[in-house]
N, C-alpha and C. Protein backbone atom coordinates (compact mmCIF):
# COMPACT_ATOMS: atom_id res chain seq x y z
N MET A 1 1.43 -0.81 0.03
CA MET A 1 -0.28 0.19 0.27
C MET A 1 0.84 1.49 0.17
N ARG A 2 2.04 1.07 0.71
CA ARG A 2 2.52 2.63 0.90
C ARG A 2 3.33 2.65 -0.69
N LEU A 3 3.70 1.60 -1.19
CA LEU A 3 4.87 1.98 -2.57
C LEU A 3 3.37 2.34 -4.19
N THR A 4 2.28 2.15 -3.51
CA THR A 4 1.24 2.07 -4.39
C THR A 4 0.79 3.53 -4.38
N ALA A 5 1.12 4.17 -2.61
CA ALA A 5 0.33 5.34 -2.38
C ALA A 5 1.49 6.56 -2.79
N ALA A 6 3.24 6.11 -2.65
CA ALA A 6 3.73 7.12 -2.96
C ALA A 6 3.82 7.08 -4.89
N ALA A 7 3.76 5.82 -5.37
CA ALA A 7 3.61 5.77 -7.12
C ALA A 7 2.42 7.28 -7.18
N GLY A 8 1.60 6.78 -6.66
CA GLY A 8 0.44 7.66 -7.11
C GLY A 8 1.28 9.52 -7.01
N LEU A 9 1.43 9.91 -5.75
CA LEU A 9 1.95 11.58 -5.50
C LEU A 9 2.90 11.52 -6.66
N CYS A 10 4.25 10.46 -7.15
CA CYS A 10 4.68 10.74 -7.96
C CYS A 10 3.82 11.29 -9.31
N LEU A 11 2.95 10.47 -10.03
CA LEU A 11 1.55 10.64 -11.17
C LEU A 11 1.65 12.17 -10.86
N LEU A 12 0.95 12.74 -9.59
CA LEU A 12 0.23 14.11 -9.44
C LEU A 12 1.68 14.71 -9.53
N LEU A 13 2.59 14.49 -9.10
CA LEU A 13 3.56 15.89 -9.45
C LEU A 13 4.07 16.00 -10.55
N ALA A 14 3.96 14.48 -11.49
CA ALA A 14 4.51 14.92 -12.64
C ALA A 14 3.50 15.27 -13.29
N ALA A 15 2.35 14.86 -13.32
CA ALA A 15 0.81 16.05 -14.03
C ALA A 15 1.36 17.30 -13.63
N GLY A 16 1.54 17.84 -12.84
CA GLY A 16 1.40 19.72 -12.49
C GLY A 16 2.75 20.22 -13.37
N CYS A 17 2.21 21.46 -13.12
CA CYS A 17 3.36 22.51 -13.57
C CYS A 17 4.78 22.96 -13.08
N VAL A 18 5.34 22.39 -12.21
CA VAL A 18 6.10 22.78 -11.66
C VAL A 18 7.33 21.42 -12.25
N GLN A 19 8.07 21.99 -12.23
CA GLN A 19 9.06 20.76 -12.55
C GLN A 19 10.37 20.40 -11.81
N VAL A 20 10.72 19.45 -11.22
CA VAL A 20 11.81 19.60 -10.14
C VAL A 20 12.79 18.88 -10.90
N GLY A 21 14.12 19.73 -11.06
CA GLY A 21 15.24 18.92 -11.82
C GLY A 21 16.07 18.19 -10.51
N PRO A 22 17.17 17.61 -11.22
CA PRO A 22 17.90 16.77 -10.06
C PRO A 22 18.60 17.49 -9.35
N PRO A 23 19.15 17.16 -8.45
CA PRO A 23 20.29 17.80 -7.47
C PRO A 23 21.49 18.33 -8.25
N GLY A 24 21.68 19.84 -8.11
CA GLY A 24 23.18 20.20 -8.84
C GLY A 24 22.65 20.89 -9.75
N ASN A 25 21.59 20.79 -10.55
CA ASN A 25 21.41 21.86 -11.44
C ASN A 25 20.47 23.00 -11.08
N PRO A 26 20.85 23.58 -10.38
CA PRO A 26 19.13 25.00 -10.45
C PRO A 26 18.83 25.55 -11.61
N ALA A 27 19.28 25.31 -12.60
CA ALA A 27 18.73 25.79 -14.07
C ALA A 27 17.33 25.46 -14.53
N ALA A 28 17.45 23.83 -13.85
CA ALA A 28 16.42 23.53 -14.06
C ALA A 28 15.04 23.43 -13.63
N ASN A 29 15.22 24.18 -11.96
CA ASN A 29 13.82 24.78 -10.95
C ASN A 29 13.84 25.96 -11.84
N GLN A 30 14.22 26.74 -12.88
CA GLN A 30 14.22 28.36 -13.21
C GLN A 30 12.98 28.09 -14.17
N THR A 31 11.74 28.97 -14.04
CA THR A 31 10.38 29.14 -14.84
C THR A 31 11.32 30.38 -15.82
N THR A 32 10.92 29.99 -16.92
CA THR A 32 11.10 31.25 -18.26
C THR A 32 9.82 31.53 -18.38
N SER A 33 10.48 33.13 -18.53
CA SER A 33 9.33 34.55 -18.93
C SER A 33 9.42 34.56 -19.92
N PRO A 34 8.49 34.66 -20.49
CA PRO A 34 8.23 35.79 -21.81
C PRO A 34 8.92 36.36 -22.34
N PRO A 35 9.05 37.00 -23.62
CA PRO A 35 10.25 38.07 -23.55
C PRO A 35 9.27 39.45 -23.72
N ALA A 36 10.06 40.33 -22.88
CA ALA A 36 9.47 41.82 -22.60
C ALA A 36 9.62 41.81 -23.61
N SER A 37 9.90 41.97 -24.87
CA SER A 37 9.71 43.10 -25.91
C SER A 37 8.56 42.68 -26.55
N SER A 38 8.18 41.19 -26.81
CA SER A 38 6.61 41.31 -27.11
C SER A 38 5.79 41.74 -26.03
N ALA A 39 5.75 41.92 -25.22
CA ALA A 39 4.60 42.53 -24.33
C ALA A 39 4.49 44.36 -24.37
N ALA A 40 6.24 44.72 -24.54
CA ALA A 40 6.37 46.42 -24.07
C ALA A 40 6.35 47.12 -25.62
N SER A 41 5.98 46.17 -26.86
CA SER A 41 6.48 46.75 -27.80
C SER A 41 5.07 47.83 -28.24
N GLY A 42 5.22 48.29 -29.41
CA GLY A 42 4.09 48.93 -29.60
C GLY A 42 4.19 50.49 -30.23
N PRO A 43 3.47 50.88 -30.93
CA PRO A 43 3.95 52.26 -31.83
C PRO A 43 4.61 52.93 -31.54
N ARG A 44 5.54 53.53 -32.04
CA ARG A 44 6.76 54.47 -31.38
C ARG A 44 5.97 55.87 -32.34
N TYR A 45 6.37 57.13 -31.46
CA TYR A 45 6.15 58.32 -32.45
C TYR A 45 6.95 59.01 -32.35
N SER A 46 7.49 60.02 -33.09
CA SER A 46 8.53 60.91 -33.12
C SER A 46 8.17 62.21 -33.19
N GLN A 47 8.57 63.22 -32.17
CA GLN A 47 8.39 64.48 -32.00
C GLN A 47 8.65 65.24 -33.35
N PRO A 48 8.05 66.16 -33.72
CA PRO A 48 8.19 67.07 -34.38
C PRO A 48 9.68 67.72 -34.31
N PRO A 49 10.60 67.84 -35.65
CA PRO A 49 11.85 68.52 -34.90
C PRO A 49 11.43 70.17 -34.77
N VAL A 50 11.97 71.05 -34.01
CA VAL A 50 12.05 72.40 -33.46
C VAL A 50 12.71 73.16 -34.48
N THR A 51 12.53 73.88 -34.92
CA THR A 51 13.59 74.79 -35.51
C THR A 51 13.49 76.00 -35.32
N PRO A 52 14.70 76.26 -34.63
CA PRO A 52 14.78 77.59 -33.76
C PRO A 52 15.61 78.56 -34.87
N PRO A 53 14.94 79.43 -34.50
CA PRO A 53 15.26 81.21 -35.28
C PRO A 53 16.40 81.14 -35.88
N THR A 54 16.33 81.79 -37.20
CA THR A 54 17.66 81.95 -38.32
C THR A 54 18.71 83.23 -37.39
N ALA A 55 19.72 82.88 -37.48
CA ALA A 55 21.02 84.07 -36.83
C ALA A 55 21.51 83.96 -37.55
N PRO A 56 21.98 85.54 -37.52
CA PRO A 56 22.89 85.97 -38.63
C PRO A 56 23.93 84.88 -38.95
N GLY A 57 24.24 85.05 -40.30
CA GLY A 57 25.66 84.18 -40.55
C GLY A 57 26.24 84.56 -40.45
N SER A 58 27.67 84.70 -41.30
CA SER A 58 28.93 84.63 -41.36
C SER A 58 28.75 85.98 -43.02
N ASN A 59 28.05 85.57 -43.55
CA ASN A 59 28.26 85.93 -45.04
C ASN A 59 27.15 87.54 -45.10
N LEU A 60 28.08 88.29 -43.84
CA LEU A 60 26.65 89.14 -44.03
C LEU A 60 27.42 90.29 -44.97
N PRO A 61 26.94 91.86 -45.22
CA PRO A 61 27.15 92.73 -46.47
C PRO A 61 28.14 93.60 -45.50
N ALA A 62 29.12 93.59 -46.14
CA ALA A 62 29.99 94.89 -45.23
C ALA A 62 29.65 95.86 -45.18
N PHE A 63 29.67 96.55 -43.69
CA PHE A 63 29.53 98.39 -43.39
C PHE A 63 30.01 99.54 -44.60
N ALA A 64 28.75 100.00 -45.12
CA ALA A 64 29.08 101.03 -45.63
C ALA A 64 28.68 102.46 -45.66
N CYS A 65 29.43 103.36 -45.66
CA CYS A 65 28.82 104.92 -45.12
C CYS A 65 27.96 105.43 -46.14
N ALA A 66 26.80 104.54 -46.25
CA ALA A 66 25.54 105.14 -47.71
C ALA A 66 24.30 104.25 -47.42
N ASP A 67 23.09 105.04 -47.91
CA ASP A 67 21.95 104.59 -47.64
C ASP A 67 21.87 103.38 -48.52
N SER A 68 20.26 102.81 -48.15
CA SER A 68 20.42 101.41 -48.36
C SER A 68 19.03 101.27 -48.12
N GLY A 69 18.34 100.31 -49.17
CA GLY A 69 16.86 99.70 -49.09
C GLY A 69 17.43 98.24 -49.46
N GLY A 70 15.57 97.54 -49.93
CA GLY A 70 15.58 96.20 -50.29
C GLY A 70 14.18 95.92 -49.97
N GLY A 71 13.97 94.68 -49.43
CA GLY A 71 12.69 94.28 -49.07
C GLY A 71 11.67 93.72 -50.42
N LYS A 72 10.94 93.64 -50.41
CA LYS A 72 9.99 92.56 -51.29
C LYS A 72 8.41 93.59 -51.08
N THR A 73 7.90 93.51 -52.61
CA THR A 73 6.69 94.23 -52.46
C THR A 73 5.64 93.86 -51.51
N GLY A 74 4.52 94.22 -50.68
CA GLY A 74 3.98 93.19 -50.02
C GLY A 74 3.43 93.81 -48.48
N VAL A 75 2.44 93.44 -47.60
CA VAL A 75 2.42 93.70 -47.18
C VAL A 75 2.73 92.37 -45.36
N ALA A 76 3.17 93.55 -44.69
CA ALA A 76 3.09 92.61 -43.10
C ALA A 76 2.81 93.46 -42.12
N ASN A 77 2.72 93.01 -40.97
CA ASN A 77 2.60 93.75 -39.79
C ASN A 77 4.27 93.95 -38.66
N VAL A 78 4.27 94.67 -38.15
CA VAL A 78 5.38 95.02 -37.25
C VAL A 78 5.02 94.14 -35.73
N ASN A 79 5.62 93.13 -35.86
CA ASN A 79 5.05 92.25 -33.98
C ASN A 79 5.96 92.56 -33.06
N SER A 80 7.48 93.14 -33.38
CA SER A 80 8.57 93.09 -32.09
C SER A 80 9.94 94.30 -33.21
N VAL A 81 10.29 95.32 -32.05
CA VAL A 81 11.16 96.15 -32.34
C VAL A 81 12.13 95.32 -30.91
N ARG A 82 13.09 95.46 -31.65
CA ARG A 82 14.91 95.54 -30.96
C ARG A 82 16.01 96.04 -31.09
N VAL A 83 16.60 96.63 -29.98
CA VAL A 83 17.58 97.02 -30.17
C VAL A 83 18.69 96.13 -28.74
N SER A 84 19.86 96.28 -29.74
CA SER A 84 21.19 95.88 -28.59
C SER A 84 22.59 96.46 -29.06
N SER A 85 23.73 96.15 -28.44
CA SER A 85 24.53 96.40 -28.30
C SER A 85 25.61 95.05 -28.63
N GLN A 86 26.41 95.01 -29.39
CA GLN A 86 27.46 94.19 -29.49
C GLN A 86 28.67 94.60 -29.55
N PRO A 87 29.96 94.07 -29.18
CA PRO A 87 31.20 94.64 -28.98
C PRO A 87 31.62 95.53 -30.43
N ASP A 88 31.48 95.01 -31.59
CA ASP A 88 31.57 95.28 -33.05
C ASP A 88 30.53 96.60 -33.29
N TYR A 89 29.12 96.26 -32.89
CA TYR A 89 28.01 97.27 -33.56
C TYR A 89 26.78 97.23 -32.59
N ASP A 90 26.39 98.41 -33.04
CA ASP A 90 24.85 98.52 -32.57
C ASP A 90 23.93 98.35 -33.87
N ARG A 91 22.77 97.56 -32.96
CA ARG A 91 21.53 96.75 -33.80
C ARG A 91 20.43 97.21 -33.53
N PHE A 92 19.50 97.68 -34.48
CA PHE A 92 18.45 97.96 -34.02
C PHE A 92 17.56 96.67 -35.37
N VAL A 93 16.10 96.39 -35.05
CA VAL A 93 15.10 95.42 -35.47
C VAL A 93 13.94 95.71 -35.48
N LEU A 94 13.56 95.72 -36.71
CA LEU A 94 11.99 95.61 -36.83
C LEU A 94 11.68 94.25 -37.38
N GLN A 95 10.50 93.44 -36.97
CA GLN A 95 10.05 91.79 -36.93
C GLN A 95 8.98 92.28 -37.46
N PHE A 96 8.62 91.15 -38.75
CA PHE A 96 7.29 91.18 -39.28
C PHE A 96 6.88 89.48 -39.00
N ASP A 97 5.32 90.00 -39.42
CA ASP A 97 4.57 88.53 -39.73
C ASP A 97 4.32 87.89 -40.27
N GLY A 98 5.02 88.61 -41.93
CA GLY A 98 5.03 88.14 -43.27
C GLY A 98 6.63 88.39 -44.08
N PRO A 99 7.02 88.60 -44.73
CA PRO A 99 8.63 89.09 -45.95
C PRO A 99 8.51 90.64 -45.09
N VAL A 100 9.53 90.73 -44.67
CA VAL A 100 9.79 91.81 -44.98
C VAL A 100 9.74 92.83 -46.49
N PRO A 101 8.58 94.41 -45.84
CA PRO A 101 8.02 95.19 -47.27
C PRO A 101 9.41 95.44 -47.92
N THR A 102 9.08 96.79 -48.57
CA THR A 102 9.78 97.40 -49.00
C THR A 102 10.19 98.65 -48.29
N TYR A 103 11.56 98.91 -48.06
CA TYR A 103 11.97 99.39 -47.06
C TYR A 103 13.72 100.37 -47.61
N THR A 104 13.41 101.31 -46.77
CA THR A 104 14.99 102.79 -47.17
C THR A 104 15.27 102.36 -45.93
N VAL A 105 16.51 103.17 -45.57
CA VAL A 105 17.24 103.42 -44.53
C VAL A 105 17.78 104.72 -45.28
N LYS A 106 17.92 105.53 -44.48
CA LYS A 106 18.16 106.73 -45.24
C LYS A 106 19.07 107.77 -44.02
N ARG A 107 20.05 108.52 -44.02
CA ARG A 107 21.35 108.83 -42.75
C ARG A 107 20.72 110.36 -43.15
N GLN A 108 20.79 110.90 -41.68
CA GLN A 108 20.63 112.78 -41.79
C GLN A 108 21.99 113.29 -41.01
N ALA A 109 21.58 114.26 -40.98
CA ALA A 109 23.01 114.97 -40.51
C ALA A 109 22.41 115.15 -38.98
N LYS A 110 21.29 115.24 -38.44
CA LYS A 110 21.01 115.44 -37.26
C LYS A 110 19.36 114.57 -37.01
N PRO A 111 19.71 114.52 -35.68
CA PRO A 111 18.54 113.48 -35.33
C PRO A 111 16.82 113.75 -35.03
N THR A 112 16.87 114.60 -36.11
CA THR A 112 15.52 115.31 -36.13
C THR A 112 14.62 114.88 -37.37
N PHE A 113 13.74 114.65 -37.20
CA PHE A 113 12.56 113.75 -37.99
C PHE A 113 11.01 113.97 -37.86
N PRO A 114 11.07 114.14 -39.37
CA PRO A 114 9.12 114.32 -39.34
C PRO A 114 8.20 113.66 -38.63
N GLN A 115 7.00 113.76 -37.88
CA GLN A 115 5.83 113.37 -36.90
C GLN A 115 5.37 113.08 -36.95
N GLY A 116 5.02 111.69 -38.41
CA GLY A 116 3.91 111.46 -38.94
C GLY A 116 3.14 112.63 -39.68
N ALA A 117 1.80 112.40 -40.14
CA ALA A 117 1.40 113.71 -40.92
C ALA A 117 1.01 115.13 -40.48
N GLY A 118 1.44 114.65 -39.29
CA GLY A 118 0.55 115.91 -38.09
C GLY A 118 1.44 117.20 -38.30
N GLY A 119 2.86 117.46 -39.49
CA GLY A 119 3.78 117.84 -39.44
C GLY A 119 4.23 118.48 -38.93
N GLY A 120 4.42 118.12 -37.49
CA GLY A 120 5.46 118.21 -36.25
C GLY A 120 6.59 117.91 -36.72
N THR A 121 7.71 117.97 -35.80
CA THR A 121 8.66 117.12 -35.77
C THR A 121 9.23 116.97 -34.25
N ILE A 122 10.48 115.88 -34.19
CA ILE A 122 10.82 115.74 -33.30
C ILE A 122 12.63 114.98 -33.06
N THR A 123 12.91 115.78 -31.96
CA THR A 123 14.29 115.33 -31.82
C THR A 123 14.51 114.52 -30.81
N LEU A 124 15.57 113.60 -31.29
CA LEU A 124 15.95 112.29 -30.43
C LEU A 124 17.52 112.70 -29.75
N GLY A 125 18.11 112.05 -29.11
CA GLY A 125 19.10 112.17 -28.33
C GLY A 125 20.03 111.34 -29.94
N GLY A 126 21.47 112.20 -29.11
CA GLY A 126 22.65 111.87 -30.21
C GLY A 126 22.90 113.47 -31.19
N THR A 127 23.79 112.84 -32.05
CA THR A 127 23.68 114.45 -32.76
C THR A 127 24.23 114.04 -34.02
N ALA A 128 23.55 112.87 -34.60
CA ALA A 128 23.54 112.12 -36.71
C ALA A 128 21.82 111.22 -36.17
N GLY A 129 21.28 111.12 -37.50
CA GLY A 129 20.62 110.44 -37.23
C GLY A 129 20.58 109.48 -38.98
N VAL A 130 19.13 108.35 -38.57
CA VAL A 130 18.94 107.45 -39.94
C VAL A 130 17.63 107.25 -39.38
N LEU A 131 17.13 107.38 -40.65
CA LEU A 131 15.12 107.23 -40.56
C LEU A 131 15.14 105.64 -41.58
N VAL A 132 14.43 104.88 -40.92
CA VAL A 132 14.12 103.47 -41.51
C VAL A 132 12.62 103.99 -41.99
N ARG A 133 12.25 103.52 -43.20
CA ARG A 133 10.36 103.38 -43.55
C ARG A 133 10.32 102.20 -44.15
N VAL A 134 9.22 101.76 -44.07
CA VAL A 134 8.81 100.78 -44.34
C VAL A 134 7.34 100.41 -44.94
N HIS A 135 7.41 100.27 -46.35
CA HIS A 135 6.03 100.56 -46.95
C HIS A 135 5.66 98.83 -48.15
N SER A 136 4.75 98.50 -47.34
CA SER A 136 2.98 98.86 -46.51
C SER A 136 3.45 97.87 -45.61
N ALA A 137 3.36 98.80 -44.35
CA ALA A 137 3.18 97.86 -42.93
C ALA A 137 2.07 98.61 -42.17
N THR A 138 2.27 98.18 -41.22
CA THR A 138 1.49 98.72 -39.51
C THR A 138 1.54 98.17 -38.82
N GLU A 139 1.94 98.72 -37.93
CA GLU A 139 2.29 98.28 -36.12
C GLU A 139 1.26 98.28 -35.05
N ALA A 140 0.14 99.04 -35.29
CA ALA A 140 -0.81 99.96 -34.50
C ALA A 140 -1.32 98.63 -33.95
N ASN A 141 -1.73 97.10 -34.70
CA ASN A 141 -2.59 96.87 -33.58
C ASN A 141 -1.89 95.09 -33.50
N THR A 142 -0.47 95.26 -34.12
CA THR A 142 0.43 93.71 -33.90
C THR A 142 1.66 93.98 -32.50
N TYR A 143 1.73 94.91 -32.55
CA TYR A 143 3.17 95.63 -31.43
C TYR A 143 2.27 96.29 -30.39
N THR A 144 2.90 95.83 -29.23
CA THR A 144 2.64 96.40 -28.06
C THR A 144 3.01 96.48 -27.33
N GLY A 145 4.67 96.99 -27.91
CA GLY A 145 6.37 97.41 -26.69
C GLY A 145 6.25 98.73 -27.07
N SER A 146 6.70 99.14 -26.05
CA SER A 146 7.41 100.51 -26.48
C SER A 146 7.84 100.96 -27.52
N THR A 147 7.25 102.21 -27.75
CA THR A 147 7.73 102.94 -29.42
C THR A 147 8.73 103.67 -28.66
N ASP A 148 9.56 103.97 -27.84
CA ASP A 148 10.84 104.99 -27.83
C ASP A 148 11.91 104.41 -26.75
N LEU A 149 12.77 103.76 -27.24
CA LEU A 149 13.93 103.00 -26.85
C LEU A 149 14.51 103.56 -26.91
N SER A 150 15.35 103.88 -25.62
CA SER A 150 16.58 105.44 -25.36
C SER A 150 17.07 104.36 -24.72
N HIS A 151 18.72 104.56 -25.19
CA HIS A 151 20.00 103.91 -24.97
C HIS A 151 21.23 104.26 -24.36
N SER A 152 21.30 105.45 -23.73
CA SER A 152 22.16 106.45 -23.70
C SER A 152 23.57 105.89 -23.50
N GLU A 153 23.70 104.52 -23.16
CA GLU A 153 25.13 104.01 -23.36
C GLU A 153 25.65 102.72 -23.67
N PHE A 154 25.00 102.74 -25.48
CA PHE A 154 25.24 102.19 -26.36
C PHE A 154 26.21 103.22 -27.01
N ARG A 155 27.12 102.53 -27.92
CA ARG A 155 28.44 103.63 -28.46
C ARG A 155 27.75 104.61 -29.52
N VAL A 156 26.95 103.89 -30.19
CA VAL A 156 26.55 104.69 -31.07
C VAL A 156 25.13 105.15 -31.37
N LEU A 157 24.19 104.04 -31.00
CA LEU A 157 22.49 103.83 -31.58
C LEU A 157 21.98 104.86 -29.61
N LYS A 158 21.66 105.78 -29.75
CA LYS A 158 21.42 106.50 -28.62
C LYS A 158 20.03 106.26 -28.33
N GLU A 159 18.86 106.27 -29.37
CA GLU A 159 17.58 106.63 -29.16
C GLU A 159 16.93 106.14 -30.67
N ALA A 160 15.98 105.34 -30.58
CA ALA A 160 14.75 104.66 -31.17
C ALA A 160 13.40 105.05 -31.13
N ARG A 161 12.92 105.53 -32.07
CA ARG A 161 11.61 106.05 -31.72
C ARG A 161 10.28 105.77 -32.99
N LEU A 162 9.50 105.62 -32.72
CA LEU A 162 8.24 105.36 -34.11
C LEU A 162 8.40 107.09 -34.12
N THR A 163 8.45 107.14 -35.19
CA THR A 163 7.88 108.52 -35.79
C THR A 163 6.46 108.56 -37.14
N GLU A 164 6.02 107.24 -37.81
CA GLU A 164 5.06 107.23 -38.02
C GLU A 164 4.70 105.90 -38.42
N ASP A 165 3.57 105.85 -38.21
CA ASP A 165 2.46 104.45 -38.80
C ASP A 165 1.12 105.04 -39.20
N PHE A 166 1.15 105.07 -40.09
CA PHE A 166 0.06 106.08 -41.00
C PHE A 166 -0.07 105.41 -42.80
N GLU A 167 -1.10 105.14 -43.31
CA GLU A 167 -1.57 105.01 -44.36
C GLU A 167 -0.55 103.78 -44.73
N GLY A 168 -0.16 102.98 -44.81
CA GLY A 168 0.67 101.66 -44.81
C GLY A 168 1.93 101.77 -44.58
N TYR A 169 2.63 102.91 -44.25
CA TYR A 169 3.87 103.54 -43.91
C TYR A 169 3.93 103.38 -42.38
N VAL A 170 5.43 102.75 -41.90
CA VAL A 170 5.80 102.44 -40.72
C VAL A 170 6.82 102.86 -40.65
N SER A 171 7.33 104.13 -40.21
CA SER A 171 8.77 104.84 -40.04
C SER A 171 9.76 104.74 -38.47
N TRP A 172 10.71 104.51 -38.25
CA TRP A 172 11.50 104.72 -36.78
C TRP A 172 12.67 105.36 -37.32
N GLY A 173 12.66 106.47 -36.63
CA GLY A 173 13.99 107.56 -36.33
C GLY A 173 14.97 106.98 -35.11
N LEU A 174 16.22 106.65 -35.58
CA LEU A 174 17.49 106.18 -34.70
C LEU A 174 18.12 107.92 -35.10
N GLY A 175 18.57 108.19 -33.34
CA GLY A 175 19.57 108.90 -32.91
C GLY A 175 20.74 107.90 -33.03
N LEU A 176 21.77 108.81 -32.98
CA LEU A 176 23.22 108.30 -33.41
C LEU A 176 24.15 109.58 -32.26
N GLY A 177 25.11 108.68 -31.99
CA GLY A 177 25.88 109.10 -30.82
C GLY A 177 26.59 109.82 -32.12
N GLN A 178 26.80 109.67 -33.31
CA GLN A 178 28.11 110.36 -33.66
C GLN A 178 27.64 109.66 -35.39
N PRO A 179 28.11 110.06 -36.57
CA PRO A 179 27.98 109.72 -37.70
C PRO A 179 28.51 108.05 -38.10
N ALA A 180 27.90 107.37 -38.21
CA ALA A 180 28.47 105.69 -38.02
C ALA A 180 28.08 105.53 -39.89
N CYS A 181 28.70 104.20 -40.76
CA CYS A 181 29.15 103.05 -41.23
C CYS A 181 27.65 101.96 -40.65
N LEU A 182 27.20 101.67 -41.79
CA LEU A 182 25.91 100.76 -41.27
C LEU A 182 25.85 99.59 -42.58
N ARG A 183 24.65 98.78 -42.23
CA ARG A 183 24.63 97.23 -42.85
C ARG A 183 23.55 97.12 -42.77
N THR A 184 22.64 96.83 -43.72
CA THR A 184 21.30 95.85 -43.79
C THR A 184 21.17 94.99 -44.38
N PHE A 185 20.47 94.16 -44.19
CA PHE A 185 20.37 92.72 -44.27
C PHE A 185 18.58 92.37 -43.99
N THR A 186 17.62 91.14 -44.17
CA THR A 186 16.64 90.49 -43.56
C THR A 186 16.95 89.15 -43.77
N LEU A 187 16.09 88.56 -42.41
CA LEU A 187 16.18 87.39 -42.11
C LEU A 187 14.95 86.66 -42.08
N ALA A 188 14.77 85.59 -42.50
CA ALA A 188 13.40 84.76 -42.29
C ALA A 188 13.44 83.92 -40.78
N ASN A 189 12.50 83.52 -40.50
CA ASN A 189 11.65 82.38 -39.63
C ASN A 189 12.69 83.02 -37.94
N PRO A 190 11.91 84.03 -37.80
CA PRO A 190 11.06 84.74 -38.09
C PRO A 190 11.40 86.00 -39.32
N TYR A 191 10.65 86.76 -39.19
CA TYR A 191 11.10 87.77 -40.57
C TYR A 191 11.59 88.92 -40.22
N ARG A 192 12.88 89.43 -40.28
CA ARG A 192 13.25 90.55 -39.45
C ARG A 192 13.90 91.43 -40.79
N LEU A 193 13.71 92.99 -40.42
CA LEU A 193 14.81 93.84 -41.40
C LEU A 193 16.18 93.95 -39.73
N VAL A 194 17.08 94.26 -40.22
CA VAL A 194 18.09 94.21 -39.53
C VAL A 194 19.07 95.45 -40.07
N VAL A 195 19.42 96.27 -39.41
CA VAL A 195 20.12 97.64 -39.33
C VAL A 195 21.08 97.82 -38.18
N ASP A 196 22.98 97.66 -38.49
CA ASP A 196 23.71 97.65 -37.83
C ASP A 196 24.60 98.60 -37.96
N PHE A 197 25.12 99.35 -37.00
CA PHE A 197 25.83 100.58 -36.76
C PHE A 197 27.13 100.17 -36.59
N THR A 198 28.00 100.38 -37.00
CA THR A 198 29.91 100.11 -36.60
C THR A 198 30.02 100.79 -35.63
N THR A 199 30.40 100.53 -34.90
CA THR A 199 31.26 101.21 -33.19
C THR A 199 32.47 101.13 -33.81
N ALA A 200 33.21 100.75 -34.59
CA ALA A 200 34.76 100.86 -34.84
C ALA A 200 34.83 102.52 -35.28
N THR A 201 36.05 102.83 -34.72
CA THR A 201 36.53 104.16 -34.74
C THR A 201 37.56 104.69 -35.73
N SER A 202 37.41 105.03 -37.00
CA SER A 202 37.93 105.76 -38.15
C SER A 202 39.30 106.20 -37.54
């Protein structure tokens, strides 16, 4: 009877899911898990690349002691105005919500500018001036920043002030601490008109 019971117990163990290996072989006692890759695999989505704003490259135009102009025929709105000072130049930037429209950059002996269509004039800081005029453009409803950027600490660009936003013309007067050669160029992403004034002394 004892042998028959022992044989029956062995049959029950053999029918189960647990396998017992011989002593000295631990690997036989281990259970095998399904591959993790089959459970964790699924569709993968890549994020769209983020394109940073285009920075001025190394192929910039040379500084010239002359008026300049350019742009494309069209309509765009000014949405940002910035000034900055670098070791070799001071910079004025108009940013648009579309391609930079037709523009002119003209030098003046004095920093005195006509103020819109009212017939008055305004005098900015400095001893010389430059008038930046864009057509067709507006900024009344798209630019909420300051319209008078004064930086007496800059070496050349002392003040930038909006002088006109009327009938498709936007004009900014720039007061310079001294007459300076300049360079102008446009950039995309976002669209910008850049005017640099050299701070190098002759």
